[in-house]
Amino acid sequence: MSSVSGRPYLSQSPSGARAFARLDSRGARATSPEMAAAYAPAAAVDTVTLHKIGDFLELDLGRLFAWLRAGFRTAVILAVAGAFVGAAFGVLSTAKYTVSSEILIDPANLQVVADDLFQQPGQVDSALLNAGSKLRVLTSRNVLARVVEELRLAEDPEFYDPTPGLGLSTILPGNKEAPNPQLAALTSLSSRVSATADENSFVATLFVTSESSEKSIRISDAIVQAFKEELASGEADGAARTADSLNNRLNELKEDVKVAEERVEAYKRSHNLISTSGELIGSQTIALLNAQVVEAQSRLIAAQSTYDELLAAGVNASTSDTQASTVLSGLRASAGALQQQLNAQSVTYGQRHPTIARLSTELAAVETQLQAEVGRIVAAAKVRVEEARTALAALEQEANDLRTRMFSDNEALVRLRELERDAVSKAAIYEAFLARAREVTEREQIDTTNIRVISTAVPPAARSWPPRTLVVALVGAMGGLFLGLLIATGVGMARDLRAGSGRHPDAAATA
């Protein structure tokens, strides 16, 4: 028993009405005039009120099973039809095959050049960003455009169908022009390619789907190759731009070096500052004069020493000059021989003997010649001393004059050194840029990308779409059965609503 609007009533379901009729027929409860009068106003209602809808929604399992039993045949028919449609879809649909390739994208390139143009990623975050950027390049339009051109996918009906129909021109409103085959193939290929990255490594997985497993493998291999070429091309383009910038700057640096060196030479000419081997003539001359002054002083000292020795020793002097004189050597030998003869004869003869007199005369003549020769050598040594002294004085005077001129040119030398430093610094910068430009130019020819395929694409064991025919048929059968049961429930609900709109269900059950 339930109550609506404060008035007791029996359940409004058909099963409740039938139970009420059975109780009445058995005599367990008699129908009184008061009960009939209580239900008489409800039987006169011609519309479905909110209270009746609320009563109607209080379903019980008996009524639901009655609805499902009434529409069970329809549900079975729809299940069979769904299984047939699913099987037909699995058999007649165009099969799709998906292959996968695993690629190791190392963020650090190969270190071929010691001072490389591109900086290697150091921290983990930088390495992850670098690897993520390269992963985006894997499925970029530039890479896929290379694949479309290489494999000529614009001529493949799977990727571009030139026949009219539900193509791009009909899908896009207002598009009256025919689609570009390359663009259409590129768009189709983009929808069939995807890439995912492993969270714990730098390994990326490339997925490619097409109507043939062999075609999917070819496309996957072409994408990987185009990916490597795109990365290498990007580095080569960066190196080329850098080399062009360096070469353009080299012309300016070369002109700056030329102007700086011309300023140095012009300043030297205007101030009479001549240089050889990078050193001024004045500096070289004064260094040479200093060496000559030292040498002249040495010669003067040696000549003065020889002269003093000759004066002190007299005829017995033994110097290089006396030893070099053959006349003096001969006279000394003659004097020695005569002295020996004189000493030997003096033992035998007296002082007045003619032999002694002759030998004494000859010895005196030889000694006179010896003294004359020694005098000549002493005079020559004196002359050498004077010459050395004169040469030393001349060299010292010349060195003093040159020093005076050098002191007067100090200000000019300061300015000259400033100009030379400017020219040298500009030349060093120019040489560094020139070497770097040549190195970067050669860097264009080197591929340092570190991309490796660790798992190549292989033919898949089964198609990726549609699922197996049996699975599709089972899904179709289940869908048809569910649809049939849903229709049966809806029909039963509609029939009960129509039945309750004319009179009260309990009244209809008791009639």
Protein backbone atom coordinates (compact mmCIF):
# COMPACT_ATOMS: atom_id res chain seq x y z
CA MET A 1 0.00 0.00 0.00
CA SER A 2 1.16 3.55 -0.82
CA SER A 3 -0.38 6.93 -0.39
CA VAL A 4 -0.66 9.81 -2.87
CA SER A 5 -2.46 13.02 -1.86
CA GLY A 6 -3.35 11.44 1.48
CA ARG A 7 -5.55 8.74 -0.14
CA PRO A 8 -4.61 5.04 0.09
CA TYR A 9 -4.30 3.15 -3.17
CA LEU A 10 -3.00 -0.16 -4.40
CA SER A 11 0.02 -0.47 -6.66
CA GLN A 12 -0.75 0.88 -10.11
CA SER A 13 1.18 -1.83 -11.91
CA PRO A 14 -0.63 -4.52 -13.93
CA SER A 15 0.63 -7.18 -11.57
CA GLY A 16 -0.90 -5.29 -8.65
CA ALA A 17 -4.23 -5.03 -10.50
CA ARG A 18 -4.20 -8.75 -11.28
CA ALA A 19 -3.43 -9.58 -7.64
CA PHE A 20 -6.30 -7.40 -6.56
CA ALA A 21 -8.65 -9.21 -9.00
CA ARG A 22 -7.51 -12.61 -7.72
CA LEU A 23 -8.20 -11.64 -4.14
CA ASP A 24 -11.65 -10.41 -5.11
CA SER A 25 -12.51 -13.63 -6.99
CA ARG A 26 -11.48 -15.80 -4.08
CA GLY A 27 -13.69 -13.90 -1.71
CA ALA A 28 -10.80 -12.92 0.58
CA ARG A 29 -11.90 -9.30 0.30
CA ALA A 30 -15.26 -7.95 -0.89
CA THR A 31 -15.64 -4.86 -2.93
CA SER A 32 -17.57 -2.37 -0.93
CA PRO A 33 -19.49 0.60 -2.30
CA GLU A 34 -17.24 2.91 -0.27
CA MET A 35 -14.09 1.57 -2.00
CA ALA A 36 -15.68 1.87 -5.41
CA ALA A 37 -16.70 5.41 -4.61
CA ALA A 38 -13.15 6.16 -3.44
CA TYR A 39 -11.72 5.10 -6.82
CA ALA A 40 -14.49 6.53 -8.96
CA PRO A 41 -12.95 10.06 -9.20
CA ALA A 42 -9.63 8.57 -10.31
CA ALA A 43 -11.31 6.70 -13.15
CA ALA A 44 -12.78 9.88 -14.47
CA VAL A 45 -9.35 11.58 -14.98
CA ASP A 46 -8.53 11.87 -18.68
CA THR A 47 -4.89 13.17 -18.51
CA VAL A 48 -1.61 11.81 -17.07
CA THR A 49 -0.77 13.90 -13.98
CA LEU A 50 2.62 14.25 -12.29
CA HIS A 51 1.40 11.97 -9.51
CA LYS A 52 0.56 9.25 -12.00
CA ILE A 53 3.98 9.60 -13.69
CA GLY A 54 5.63 9.28 -10.29
CA ASP A 55 3.56 6.18 -9.61
CA PHE A 56 4.42 4.84 -13.02
CA LEU A 57 8.16 5.24 -12.48
CA GLU A 58 7.99 3.00 -9.43
CA LEU A 59 8.87 -0.01 -11.58
CA ASP A 60 9.10 -3.50 -10.29
CA LEU A 61 11.02 -6.42 -11.79
CA GLY A 62 7.86 -8.15 -12.91
CA ARG A 63 6.81 -5.33 -15.19
CA LEU A 64 10.42 -4.96 -16.57
CA PHE A 65 10.64 -8.68 -17.33
CA ALA A 66 7.26 -8.47 -19.04
CA TRP A 67 8.53 -5.71 -21.31
CA LEU A 68 11.74 -7.61 -22.12
CA ARG A 69 9.86 -10.84 -22.77
CA ALA A 70 7.53 -9.07 -25.17
CA GLY A 71 10.48 -7.65 -27.20
CA PHE A 72 12.89 -10.59 -26.89
CA ARG A 73 12.32 -11.72 -30.47
CA THR A 74 13.12 -8.26 -31.77
CA ALA A 75 16.30 -8.18 -29.66
CA VAL A 76 17.44 -11.55 -31.05
CA ILE A 77 16.80 -10.40 -34.61
CA LEU A 78 18.79 -7.21 -34.03
CA ALA A 79 21.62 -9.19 -32.39
CA VAL A 80 21.87 -11.47 -35.43
CA ALA A 81 21.76 -8.44 -37.72
CA GLY A 82 24.46 -6.71 -35.65
CA ALA A 83 26.69 -9.79 -35.80
CA PHE A 84 26.23 -9.95 -39.56
CA VAL A 85 27.00 -6.24 -39.98
CA GLY A 86 30.05 -6.54 -37.72
CA ALA A 87 31.36 -9.55 -39.62
CA ALA A 88 30.80 -7.75 -42.92
CA PHE A 89 32.63 -4.69 -41.57
CA GLY A 90 35.56 -6.84 -40.43
CA VAL A 91 35.77 -8.56 -43.81
CA LEU A 92 35.08 -5.65 -46.17
CA SER A 93 36.88 -2.80 -44.34
CA THR A 94 40.28 -1.71 -45.56
CA ALA A 95 42.91 -3.22 -43.28
CA LYS A 96 45.44 -0.97 -41.58
CA TYR A 97 48.87 -2.16 -40.46
CA THR A 98 50.94 -0.33 -37.85
CA VAL A 99 54.69 -0.80 -37.42
CA SER A 100 56.93 0.70 -34.75
CA SER A 101 60.59 1.70 -34.64
CA GLU A 102 62.56 2.55 -31.51
CA ILE A 103 65.06 5.38 -31.91
CA LEU A 104 67.71 6.48 -29.43
CA ILE A 105 67.83 10.28 -29.57
CA ASP A 106 71.03 11.20 -27.75
CA PRO A 107 70.90 14.92 -26.86
CA ALA A 108 74.71 15.13 -26.91
CA ASN A 109 76.14 15.16 -30.42
CA LEU A 110 79.39 13.50 -31.39
CA GLN A 111 82.42 15.54 -30.25
CA VAL A 112 84.33 15.65 -33.54
CA VAL A 113 85.81 19.15 -33.21
CA ALA A 114 87.48 20.25 -29.98
CA ASP A 115 85.94 23.73 -30.04
CA ASP A 116 82.63 22.85 -31.68
CA LEU A 117 80.19 25.43 -32.99
CA PHE A 118 77.20 23.99 -31.08
CA GLN A 119 77.27 23.73 -27.30
CA GLN A 120 76.78 20.31 -25.76
CA PRO A 121 73.88 20.02 -23.26
CA GLY A 122 75.22 19.80 -19.74
CA GLN A 123 72.40 19.63 -17.18
CA VAL A 124 69.58 17.11 -17.21
CA ASP A 125 66.87 19.69 -17.94
CA SER A 126 68.79 21.02 -20.90
CA ALA A 127 69.34 17.49 -22.21
CA LEU A 128 65.63 16.67 -21.87
CA LEU A 129 64.64 19.83 -23.72
CA ASN A 130 67.15 19.04 -26.46
CA ALA A 131 65.84 15.48 -26.83
CA GLY A 132 62.24 16.73 -26.79
CA SER A 133 63.00 19.24 -29.52
CA LYS A 134 64.55 16.54 -31.67
CA LEU A 135 61.50 14.35 -31.07
CA ARG A 136 59.29 17.12 -32.43
CA VAL A 137 61.49 17.25 -35.51
CA LEU A 138 60.86 13.52 -36.05
CA THR A 139 57.21 14.13 -37.03
CA SER A 140 57.62 17.66 -38.36
CA ARG A 141 56.41 18.79 -41.77
CA ASN A 142 59.94 19.14 -43.09
CA VAL A 143 60.71 15.50 -42.37
CA LEU A 144 57.38 14.22 -43.70
CA ALA A 145 57.72 16.38 -46.82
CA ARG A 146 61.04 14.67 -47.53
CA VAL A 147 59.31 11.27 -47.20
CA VAL A 148 56.42 12.32 -49.47
CA GLU A 149 58.87 13.44 -52.14
CA GLU A 150 61.19 10.46 -51.79
CA LEU A 151 58.48 7.76 -51.82
CA ARG A 152 56.25 9.72 -54.24
CA LEU A 153 53.26 9.37 -51.95
CA ALA A 154 51.39 12.05 -53.92
CA GLU A 155 50.95 9.37 -56.60
CA ASP A 156 49.69 6.78 -54.09
CA PRO A 157 45.83 6.60 -53.99
CA GLU A 158 46.01 5.78 -50.29
CA PHE A 159 47.46 9.21 -49.51
CA TYR A 160 45.96 11.24 -52.38
CA ASP A 161 42.92 10.28 -54.42
CA PRO A 162 42.58 12.61 -57.43
CA THR A 163 39.10 11.30 -58.27
CA PRO A 164 36.20 13.59 -57.27
CA GLY A 165 34.22 12.64 -54.22
CA LEU A 166 34.32 13.33 -50.52
CA GLY A 167 37.78 14.82 -50.71
CA LEU A 168 39.27 17.99 -49.35
CA SER A 169 37.40 20.16 -51.85
CA THR A 170 34.03 18.90 -50.58
CA ILE A 171 34.95 18.83 -46.90
CA LEU A 172 36.23 22.40 -46.80
CA PRO A 173 33.37 24.86 -47.46
CA GLY A 174 34.04 27.44 -50.13
CA ASN A 175 37.10 25.60 -51.47
CA LYS A 176 36.63 25.68 -55.22
CA GLU A 177 40.22 24.89 -56.18
CA ALA A 178 41.63 21.39 -56.46
CA PRO A 179 43.89 20.43 -53.49
CA ASN A 180 47.65 20.32 -53.93
CA PRO A 181 48.70 16.65 -54.27
CA GLN A 182 51.85 17.17 -52.21
CA LEU A 183 49.95 18.98 -49.47
CA ALA A 184 47.15 16.42 -49.47
CA ALA A 185 49.64 13.53 -49.22
CA LEU A 186 51.51 15.37 -46.47
CA THR A 187 48.30 15.89 -44.49
CA SER A 188 47.31 12.26 -44.90
CA LEU A 189 50.75 11.05 -43.86
CA SER A 190 50.70 13.32 -40.78
CA SER A 191 47.50 11.63 -39.59
CA ARG A 192 49.11 8.19 -39.92
CA VAL A 193 52.34 8.96 -38.08
CA SER A 194 52.86 9.44 -34.35
CA ALA A 195 55.77 9.34 -31.91
CA THR A 196 56.01 8.79 -28.17
CA ALA A 197 58.92 9.25 -25.78
CA ASP A 198 59.99 7.02 -22.93
CA GLU A 199 59.92 8.85 -19.59
CA ASN A 200 62.97 7.02 -18.22
CA SER A 201 65.29 7.22 -21.22
CA PHE A 202 66.02 9.07 -24.44
CA VAL A 203 64.32 6.38 -26.53
CA ALA A 204 61.42 7.42 -28.78
CA THR A 205 58.98 5.09 -30.53
CA LEU A 206 57.76 5.93 -34.03
CA PHE A 207 54.39 4.49 -35.17
CA VAL A 208 53.41 4.38 -38.85
CA THR A 209 50.07 3.10 -40.18
CA SER A 210 49.17 2.25 -43.78
CA GLU A 211 47.23 -0.30 -45.79
CA SER A 212 50.28 -2.53 -46.25
CA SER A 213 52.85 -3.72 -43.75
CA GLU A 214 55.61 -3.42 -46.36
CA LYS A 215 54.57 0.14 -47.12
CA SER A 216 54.51 0.98 -43.43
CA ILE A 217 58.06 -0.36 -43.05
CA ARG A 218 59.25 1.65 -46.07
CA ILE A 219 57.66 4.82 -44.70
CA SER A 220 59.13 4.22 -41.24
CA ASP A 221 62.64 3.71 -42.63
CA ALA A 222 62.26 6.77 -44.84
CA ILE A 223 61.11 8.90 -41.89
CA VAL A 224 64.11 7.84 -39.80
CA GLN A 225 66.50 8.60 -42.67
CA ALA A 226 64.81 11.94 -43.38
CA PHE A 227 64.96 12.71 -39.64
CA LYS A 228 68.74 12.20 -39.62
CA GLU A 229 69.13 14.27 -42.77
CA GLU A 230 66.98 17.07 -41.34
CA LEU A 231 69.06 17.26 -38.16
CA ALA A 232 72.30 17.22 -40.15
CA SER A 233 70.87 19.82 -42.53
CA GLY A 234 69.89 22.02 -39.60
CA GLU A 235 73.42 21.91 -38.19
CA ALA A 236 74.91 22.50 -41.65
CA ASP A 237 72.60 25.48 -42.20
CA GLY A 238 73.61 26.92 -38.83
CA ALA A 239 77.28 26.45 -39.66
CA ALA A 240 76.75 28.00 -43.10
CA ARG A 241 75.05 31.06 -41.62
CA THR A 242 77.86 31.43 -39.11
CA ALA A 243 80.48 31.05 -41.83
CA ASP A 244 78.75 33.68 -43.98
CA SER A 245 78.63 36.08 -41.05
CA LEU A 246 82.31 35.46 -40.33
CA ASN A 247 83.25 35.93 -43.98
CA ASN A 248 81.30 39.18 -44.15
CA ARG A 249 83.04 40.36 -41.00
CA LEU A 250 86.41 39.26 -42.38
CA ASN A 251 86.25 41.85 -45.14
CA GLU A 252 85.76 44.61 -42.59
CA LEU A 253 88.53 43.26 -40.35
CA LYS A 254 90.89 42.96 -43.30
CA GLU A 255 90.25 46.57 -44.24
CA ASP A 256 90.81 47.66 -40.62
CA VAL A 257 94.16 45.84 -40.51
CA LYS A 258 95.22 47.41 -43.80
CA VAL A 259 94.35 50.93 -42.59
CA ALA A 260 96.18 50.39 -39.27
CA GLU A 261 99.35 49.14 -40.97
CA GLU A 262 99.27 52.02 -43.43
CA ARG A 263 99.07 54.44 -40.52
CA VAL A 264 102.16 52.84 -38.96
CA GLU A 265 104.18 53.09 -42.16
CA ALA A 266 103.06 56.65 -42.83
CA TYR A 267 104.07 57.70 -39.32
CA LYS A 268 107.50 56.08 -39.77
CA ARG A 269 108.08 57.93 -43.04
CA SER A 270 106.99 61.26 -41.59
CA HIS A 271 109.32 60.92 -38.56
CA ASN A 272 112.17 59.14 -40.41
CA LEU A 273 111.73 56.00 -38.34
CA ILE A 274 113.10 53.23 -40.51
CA SER A 275 112.84 49.65 -39.33
CA THR A 276 114.06 46.31 -40.57
CA SER A 277 112.87 42.92 -39.31
CA GLY A 278 110.38 44.72 -37.08
CA GLU A 279 113.08 46.84 -35.32
CA LEU A 280 114.05 50.46 -35.89
CA ILE A 281 117.33 51.20 -37.63
CA GLY A 282 118.28 53.60 -34.85
CA SER A 283 117.91 50.89 -32.23
CA GLN A 284 119.91 48.46 -34.31
CA THR A 285 122.62 51.07 -34.98
CA ILE A 286 123.03 52.07 -31.37
CA ALA A 287 123.26 48.44 -30.33
CA LEU A 288 125.91 47.86 -32.99
CA LEU A 289 127.81 51.01 -31.94
CA ASN A 290 127.77 49.91 -28.33
CA ALA A 291 129.29 46.61 -29.36
CA GLN A 292 131.92 48.41 -31.45
CA VAL A 293 132.75 50.76 -28.56
CA VAL A 294 133.30 47.79 -26.28
CA GLU A 295 135.47 46.14 -28.92
CA ALA A 296 137.47 49.38 -29.46
CA GLN A 297 138.03 49.67 -25.74
CA SER A 298 139.33 46.12 -25.71
CA ARG A 299 141.73 46.87 -28.60
CA LEU A 300 142.99 50.01 -26.87
CA ILE A 301 143.62 48.15 -23.66
CA ALA A 302 145.48 45.39 -25.50
CA ALA A 303 147.58 47.86 -27.53
CA GLN A 304 148.45 49.91 -24.43
CA SER A 305 149.46 46.77 -22.57
CA THR A 306 151.73 45.65 -25.42
CA TYR A 307 153.33 49.08 -25.66
CA ASP A 308 153.99 49.27 -21.94
CA GLU A 309 155.53 45.80 -21.96
CA LEU A 310 157.84 46.71 -24.84
CA LEU A 311 159.00 49.84 -23.06
CA ALA A 312 159.69 47.95 -19.87
CA ALA A 313 161.50 44.96 -21.41
CA GLY A 314 163.53 46.77 -24.07
CA VAL A 315 165.50 44.48 -26.42
CA ASN A 316 164.58 41.48 -24.31
CA ALA A 317 160.83 42.05 -24.77
CA SER A 318 158.89 38.98 -25.75
CA THR A 319 155.51 39.91 -27.19
CA SER A 320 153.49 38.83 -30.11
CA ASP A 321 154.96 41.65 -32.14
CA THR A 322 158.53 40.67 -31.35
CA GLN A 323 157.85 37.03 -32.00
CA ALA A 324 156.21 37.84 -35.30
CA SER A 325 159.24 39.92 -36.50
CA THR A 326 161.64 37.69 -38.48
CA VAL A 327 164.32 40.38 -38.54
CA LEU A 328 164.33 40.61 -34.78
CA SER A 329 164.45 36.84 -34.50
CA GLY A 330 167.43 36.68 -36.91
CA LEU A 331 169.30 39.46 -35.13
CA ARG A 332 168.78 37.76 -31.78
CA ALA A 333 170.07 34.49 -33.22
CA SER A 334 173.15 36.22 -34.71
CA ALA A 335 173.83 38.04 -31.48
CA GLY A 336 173.65 34.81 -29.56
CA ALA A 337 175.99 33.00 -31.92
CA LEU A 338 178.56 35.84 -31.86
CA GLN A 339 178.37 35.96 -28.07
CA GLN A 340 179.12 32.23 -27.85
CA GLN A 341 182.10 32.55 -30.22
CA LEU A 342 183.40 35.54 -28.31
CA ASN A 343 183.19 33.69 -25.03
CA ALA A 344 184.94 30.64 -26.50
CA GLN A 345 187.80 32.68 -28.07
CA SER A 346 188.24 34.75 -24.93
CA VAL A 347 189.42 31.63 -23.11
CA THR A 348 192.15 31.08 -25.67
CA TYR A 349 193.09 34.56 -26.73
CA GLY A 350 193.44 37.85 -24.96
CA GLN A 351 191.40 40.99 -25.32
CA ARG A 352 193.75 42.45 -27.90
CA HIS A 353 193.77 39.49 -30.21
CA PRO A 354 192.44 40.31 -33.67
CA THR A 355 189.80 37.55 -33.50
CA ILE A 356 188.44 38.90 -30.25
CA ALA A 357 188.37 42.40 -31.69
CA ARG A 358 186.59 41.25 -34.83
CA LEU A 359 183.99 39.30 -32.91
CA SER A 360 183.44 42.22 -30.55
CA THR A 361 182.89 44.57 -33.48
CA GLU A 362 180.45 42.21 -35.16
CA LEU A 363 178.54 41.70 -31.88
CA ALA A 364 178.25 45.46 -31.34
CA ALA A 365 176.90 45.94 -34.86
CA VAL A 366 174.31 43.21 -34.35
CA GLU A 367 173.21 44.72 -31.00
CA THR A 368 172.86 48.11 -32.66
CA GLN A 369 170.60 46.60 -35.31
CA LEU A 370 168.71 44.73 -32.60
CA GLN A 371 168.02 47.93 -30.66
CA ALA A 372 166.93 49.67 -33.87
CA GLU A 373 164.50 46.85 -34.65
CA VAL A 374 163.07 46.89 -31.13
CA GLY A 375 162.67 50.65 -31.40
CA ARG A 376 160.80 50.24 -34.60
CA ILE A 377 158.47 47.66 -32.99
CA VAL A 378 157.89 49.97 -30.00
CA ALA A 379 157.06 52.85 -32.34
CA ALA A 380 154.59 50.65 -34.21
CA ALA A 381 152.98 49.60 -30.95
CA LYS A 382 152.65 53.26 -29.96
CA VAL A 383 151.03 54.03 -33.30
CA ARG A 384 148.52 51.20 -32.71
CA VAL A 385 147.73 52.62 -29.29
CA GLU A 386 146.99 56.02 -30.79
CA GLU A 387 144.89 54.50 -33.54
CA ALA A 388 142.86 52.48 -31.02
CA ARG A 389 142.36 55.57 -28.87
CA THR A 390 141.26 57.63 -31.89
CA ALA A 391 138.86 54.91 -33.07
CA LEU A 392 137.37 54.60 -29.61
CA ALA A 393 136.84 58.32 -29.36
CA ALA A 394 135.13 58.39 -32.77
CA LEU A 395 132.83 55.52 -31.88
CA GLU A 396 131.94 57.09 -28.55
CA GLN A 397 131.19 60.38 -30.24
CA GLU A 398 128.97 58.69 -32.82
CA ALA A 399 127.17 56.71 -30.13
CA ASN A 400 126.59 59.88 -28.11
CA ASP A 401 125.20 61.66 -31.16
CA LEU A 402 122.89 58.73 -31.92
CA ARG A 403 121.71 58.61 -28.31
CA THR A 404 120.90 62.30 -28.49
CA ARG A 405 118.80 61.71 -31.59
CA MET A 406 117.12 58.70 -30.00
CA PHE A 407 116.17 60.71 -26.93
CA SER A 408 114.64 63.37 -29.14
CA ASP A 409 112.54 60.68 -30.90
CA ASN A 410 111.08 59.20 -27.71
CA GLU A 411 107.75 60.91 -28.15
CA ALA A 412 107.56 59.73 -31.74
CA LEU A 413 108.43 56.21 -30.62
CA VAL A 414 105.64 56.23 -28.03
CA ARG A 415 103.09 57.14 -30.67
CA LEU A 416 104.62 54.62 -33.06
CA ARG A 417 104.32 51.82 -30.50
CA GLU A 418 100.70 52.77 -29.92
CA LEU A 419 99.96 52.55 -33.62
CA GLU A 420 101.84 49.26 -33.86
CA ARG A 421 99.88 47.76 -30.95
CA ASP A 422 96.63 48.76 -32.61
CA ALA A 423 97.74 47.21 -35.89
CA VAL A 424 98.94 44.02 -34.15
CA SER A 425 95.69 43.59 -32.19
CA LYS A 426 93.58 44.07 -35.30
CA ALA A 427 95.76 41.63 -37.21
CA ALA A 428 95.41 39.05 -34.41
CA ILE A 429 91.62 39.39 -34.44
CA TYR A 430 91.56 39.10 -38.21
CA GLU A 431 93.72 35.95 -38.14
CA ALA A 432 91.52 34.39 -35.43
CA PHE A 433 88.35 35.12 -37.41
CA LEU A 434 89.96 33.82 -40.59
CA ALA A 435 90.94 30.53 -38.94
CA ARG A 436 87.50 30.19 -37.33
CA ALA A 437 85.72 30.89 -40.61
CA ARG A 438 87.68 28.16 -42.37
CA GLU A 439 87.01 25.75 -39.50
CA VAL A 440 83.27 26.48 -39.53
CA THR A 441 83.19 26.11 -43.31
CA GLU A 442 84.66 22.63 -42.95
CA ARG A 443 82.22 21.95 -40.09
CA GLU A 444 79.37 22.09 -42.62
CA GLN A 445 80.62 18.84 -44.14
CA ILE A 446 80.61 16.92 -40.81
CA ASP A 447 77.49 15.17 -39.48
CA THR A 448 77.73 15.00 -35.69
CA THR A 449 74.14 13.93 -34.94
CA ASN A 450 74.01 10.97 -32.58
CA ILE A 451 70.80 9.22 -33.69
CA ARG A 452 70.58 5.42 -33.64
CA VAL A 453 67.78 3.02 -34.48
CA ILE A 454 67.80 0.36 -31.78
CA SER A 455 64.70 -1.50 -33.04
CA THR A 456 63.89 -1.45 -36.73
CA ALA A 457 60.36 -1.76 -38.07
CA VAL A 458 59.20 -5.36 -38.68
CA PRO A 459 55.96 -6.72 -40.20
CA PRO A 460 53.22 -6.77 -37.53
CA ALA A 461 51.63 -10.03 -36.42
CA ALA A 462 48.11 -8.80 -37.23
CA ARG A 463 46.34 -5.79 -38.62
CA SER A 464 45.80 -2.83 -36.33
CA TRP A 465 42.39 -1.90 -37.81
CA PRO A 466 39.74 -3.18 -37.91
CA PRO A 467 39.92 -5.76 -35.11
CA ARG A 468 39.52 -9.45 -35.89
CA THR A 469 36.30 -10.42 -37.64
CA LEU A 470 35.13 -12.56 -34.73
CA VAL A 471 35.64 -9.69 -32.29
CA VAL A 472 33.78 -7.26 -34.54
CA ALA A 473 30.93 -9.76 -35.00
CA LEU A 474 30.62 -10.26 -31.22
CA VAL A 475 30.61 -6.50 -30.66
CA GLY A 476 27.93 -6.13 -33.36
CA ALA A 477 25.82 -8.89 -31.80
CA MET A 478 26.07 -7.34 -28.35
CA GLY A 479 25.20 -3.94 -29.75
CA GLY A 480 22.17 -5.35 -31.61
CA LEU A 481 21.00 -7.21 -28.53
CA PHE A 482 21.33 -4.13 -26.35
CA LEU A 483 19.48 -2.06 -28.93
CA GLY A 484 16.67 -4.64 -29.11
CA LEU A 485 16.29 -4.75 -25.33
CA LEU A 486 16.29 -0.97 -25.23
CA ILE A 487 13.58 -0.83 -27.88
CA ALA A 488 11.52 -3.44 -26.04
CA THR A 489 11.74 -1.44 -22.82
CA GLY A 490 10.75 1.75 -24.61
CA VAL A 491 7.78 0.10 -26.32
CA GLY A 492 6.55 -1.35 -23.03
CA MET A 493 6.83 1.99 -21.28
CA ALA A 494 4.97 3.74 -24.07
CA ARG A 495 2.17 1.13 -24.02
CA ASP A 496 1.70 1.45 -20.28
CA LEU A 497 1.63 5.24 -20.51
CA ARG A 498 -1.05 5.12 -23.18
CA ALA A 499 -3.04 2.62 -21.14
CA GLY A 500 -2.88 4.81 -18.03
CA SER A 501 -3.93 8.04 -19.78
CA GLY A 502 -7.60 6.94 -20.30
CA ARG A 503 -8.47 5.51 -16.86
CA HIS A 504 -6.92 4.40 -13.65
CA PRO A 505 -5.00 1.13 -13.94
CA ASP A 506 -6.72 -0.35 -10.86
CA ALA A 507 -10.08 0.45 -12.28
CA ALA A 508 -9.13 -1.22 -15.52
CA ALA A 509 -7.94 -4.23 -13.59
CA THR A 510 -11.18 -4.56 -11.66
CA ALA A 511 -13.43 -4.09 -14.67
